[in-house]
Amino acid sequence: MHRYQPRVHCVYSPSSKADELLVQQTQAFRTFT
């Protein structure tokens, strides 16, 4: 989970958008696991 986090931040420049996307992805990932 911490491994692909920096990658997402690298791809997405906007902090707000990246933060929201990251949170949504993380939540979905946690729910899926």
C-alpha atoms as a PDB file:
ATOM      1  CA  MET A   1       0.000   0.000   0.000  1.00  0.00           C
ATOM      2  CA  HIS A   2       2.839   2.386   0.839  1.00  0.00           C
ATOM      3  CA  ARG A   3       4.717   1.266  -2.224  1.00  0.00           C
ATOM      4  CA  TYR A   4       2.292   2.539  -4.850  1.00  0.00           C
ATOM      5  CA  GLN A   5       1.494   5.712  -2.906  1.00  0.00           C
ATOM      6  CA  PRO A   6       4.541   7.717  -4.041  1.00  0.00           C
ATOM      7  CA  ARG A   7       3.888   6.630  -7.606  1.00  0.00           C
ATOM      8  CA  VAL A   8       0.410   8.138  -7.579  1.00  0.00           C
ATOM      9  CA  HIS A   9       1.796  11.365  -6.156  1.00  0.00           C
ATOM     10  CA  CYS A  10       4.409  11.421  -8.888  1.00  0.00           C
ATOM     11  CA  VAL A  11       1.845  10.951 -11.632  1.00  0.00           C
ATOM     12  CA  TYR A  12      -0.640  13.465 -10.254  1.00  0.00           C
ATOM     13  CA  SER A  13       0.650  16.994  -9.774  1.00  0.00           C
ATOM     14  CA  PRO A  14      -2.362  18.678  -8.120  1.00  0.00           C
ATOM     15  CA  SER A  15      -2.236  18.090  -4.373  1.00  0.00           C
ATOM     16  CA  SER A  16      -5.978  18.486  -3.815  1.00  0.00           C
ATOM     17  CA  LYS A  17      -6.906  16.134  -6.631  1.00  0.00           C
ATOM     18  CA  ALA A  18      -4.170  13.658  -5.787  1.00  0.00           C
ATOM     19  CA  ASP A  19      -5.125  13.730  -2.117  1.00  0.00           C
ATOM     20  CA  GLU A  20      -8.775  13.056  -2.868  1.00  0.00           C
ATOM     21  CA  LEU A  21      -7.936  10.346  -5.365  1.00  0.00           C
ATOM     22  CA  LEU A  22      -5.452   8.776  -2.985  1.00  0.00           C
ATOM     23  CA  VAL A  23      -7.955   8.781  -0.135  1.00  0.00           C
ATOM     24  CA  GLN A  24     -10.659   7.275  -2.331  1.00  0.00           C
ATOM     25  CA  GLN A  25      -8.288   4.637  -3.691  1.00  0.00           C
ATOM     26  CA  THR A  26      -6.958   3.848  -0.230  1.00  0.00           C
ATOM     27  CA  GLN A  27     -10.481   3.517   1.160  1.00  0.00           C
ATOM     28  CA  ALA A  28     -11.520   1.285  -1.725  1.00  0.00           C
ATOM     29  CA  PHE A  29      -8.367  -0.779  -1.306  1.00  0.00           C
ATOM     30  CA  ARG A  30      -8.984  -1.197   2.424  1.00  0.00           C
ATOM     31  CA  THR A  31     -12.600  -2.150   1.798  1.00  0.00           C
ATOM     32  CA  PHE A  32     -11.559  -4.599  -0.891  1.00  0.00           C
ATOM     33  CA  THR A  33      -8.904  -6.271   1.259  1.00  0.00           C
END
